[in-house]
Amino acid sequence: MCSYITEIVAISGSGKGRNDWTPLDKAVIYYDHPVHAPFDHALNIDFTNSVTNERVAVELSAQSARDLIARIEAALNSGDAVHLGSQDAIRQKLAGGRQADLTTEHVPPFI
């Protein structure tokens, strides 16, 4: 049975299409029968460019989609901690008490 459950969101980014990179401004997300993936149902995402109608399509198993959501959240949270967090606190943590220069020292991901 097809559910036609669809979510649409405006996005800002780029995607690699058939021939080249293209700006993307919309994502259409739906849980339904995939076209190519070997699943009965899949989370399908169409990243699109509304002007050129170019599309980058993804079909994921439900578990893969859930795992991807969790890893995206983890990456964003880690990135925010490094890039938007207190620079002094990060310097102290990385340097073990000595003053670190974040512009020249490697910043490991926070896990």
Protein backbone atom coordinates (compact mmCIF):
# COMPACT_ATOMS: atom_id res chain seq x y z
CA MET A 1 0.00 0.00 0.00
CA CYS A 2 1.36 3.42 -0.91
CA SER A 3 1.16 5.97 1.86
CA TYR A 4 2.09 9.10 -0.09
CA ILE A 5 3.47 10.51 3.17
CA THR A 6 5.50 13.48 1.94
CA GLU A 7 7.41 16.29 3.63
CA ILE A 8 8.85 19.26 1.75
CA VAL A 9 11.44 21.69 3.09
CA ALA A 10 13.30 24.67 1.65
CA ILE A 11 17.05 24.09 1.81
CA SER A 12 20.23 25.89 0.86
CA GLY A 13 23.12 23.86 -0.50
CA SER A 14 24.65 22.12 -3.51
CA GLY A 15 24.54 18.63 -4.93
CA LYS A 16 26.50 16.65 -7.51
CA GLY A 17 24.17 15.80 -10.36
CA ARG A 18 24.70 13.72 -13.47
CA ASN A 19 27.21 16.15 -15.00
CA ASP A 20 28.16 18.81 -12.48
CA TRP A 21 27.37 20.51 -9.19
CA THR A 22 24.06 22.34 -8.94
CA PRO A 23 22.55 24.65 -6.34
CA LEU A 24 19.75 22.99 -4.35
CA ASP A 25 16.79 24.83 -2.85
CA LYS A 26 14.23 22.16 -1.95
CA ALA A 27 14.11 18.67 -0.47
CA VAL A 28 11.14 16.35 -0.94
CA ILE A 29 11.15 13.51 1.60
CA TYR A 30 8.76 10.60 1.38
CA TYR A 31 8.43 7.05 2.71
CA ASP A 32 7.25 4.84 -0.11
CA HIS A 33 8.35 2.26 -2.68
CA PRO A 34 11.85 2.99 -3.97
CA VAL A 35 12.66 3.07 -7.67
CA HIS A 36 16.04 1.36 -7.44
CA ALA A 37 16.94 0.31 -3.87
CA PRO A 38 16.12 -3.34 -3.04
CA PHE A 39 13.54 -2.61 -0.32
CA ASP A 40 9.78 -2.91 -0.15
CA HIS A 41 9.68 0.62 1.29
CA ALA A 42 12.36 3.25 1.69
CA LEU A 43 12.89 6.79 2.83
CA ASN A 44 13.31 8.63 -0.45
CA ILE A 45 14.79 12.12 -0.66
CA ASP A 46 14.80 14.26 -3.78
CA PHE A 47 17.10 17.26 -3.48
CA THR A 48 16.04 19.67 -6.21
CA ASN A 49 16.80 22.94 -7.95
CA SER A 50 13.48 24.70 -8.59
CA VAL A 51 14.86 26.80 -11.45
CA THR A 52 16.58 24.09 -13.53
CA ASN A 53 14.51 21.13 -12.27
CA GLU A 54 17.74 19.20 -11.65
CA ARG A 55 17.48 16.51 -9.00
CA VAL A 56 19.73 14.42 -6.79
CA ALA A 57 17.79 11.40 -5.50
CA VAL A 58 18.54 9.17 -2.49
CA GLU A 59 16.76 5.98 -1.37
CA LEU A 60 17.57 4.67 2.12
CA SER A 61 16.40 1.79 4.26
CA ALA A 62 14.46 2.97 7.31
CA GLN A 63 17.33 1.99 9.63
CA SER A 64 19.91 3.73 7.44
CA ALA A 65 17.78 6.89 7.48
CA ARG A 66 17.54 6.77 11.28
CA ASP A 67 21.29 6.17 11.61
CA LEU A 68 21.99 9.04 9.21
CA ILE A 69 19.74 11.40 11.20
CA ALA A 70 21.63 10.53 14.40
CA ARG A 71 25.06 11.06 12.77
CA ILE A 72 23.95 14.36 11.19
CA GLU A 73 22.83 15.59 14.63
CA ALA A 74 26.13 14.44 16.18
CA ALA A 75 28.19 16.18 13.48
CA LEU A 76 26.20 19.42 13.83
CA ASN A 77 26.47 19.36 17.62
CA SER A 78 30.23 18.73 17.47
CA GLY A 79 30.68 21.44 14.85
CA ASP A 80 28.66 23.91 16.90
CA ALA A 81 30.74 23.10 19.99
CA VAL A 82 33.95 23.80 18.11
CA HIS A 83 32.91 26.71 15.92
CA LEU A 84 30.29 28.43 18.06
CA GLY A 85 31.37 27.42 21.56
CA SER A 86 33.58 29.33 23.94
CA GLN A 87 36.96 29.67 22.24
CA ASP A 88 38.70 30.05 25.62
CA ALA A 89 37.15 26.82 26.96
CA ILE A 90 38.10 24.96 23.78
CA ARG A 91 41.67 26.30 23.93
CA GLN A 92 42.00 25.15 27.54
CA LYS A 93 40.61 21.68 26.77
CA LEU A 94 42.90 21.17 23.77
CA ALA A 95 46.01 22.57 25.39
CA GLY A 96 45.65 20.80 28.72
CA GLY A 97 45.97 24.13 30.51
CA ARG A 98 48.50 25.84 28.23
CA GLN A 99 47.24 28.45 25.77
CA ALA A 100 46.51 26.86 22.36
CA ASP A 101 46.29 28.70 19.06
CA LEU A 102 43.17 27.31 17.33
CA THR A 103 44.23 28.75 14.00
CA THR A 104 47.31 26.49 13.80
CA GLU A 105 46.59 23.48 16.01
CA HIS A 106 44.43 20.57 14.89
CA VAL A 107 40.99 20.58 16.50
CA PRO A 108 39.76 17.00 17.06
CA PRO A 109 36.04 16.25 16.88
CA PHE A 110 34.15 16.05 20.17
CA ILE A 111 32.49 12.67 20.41
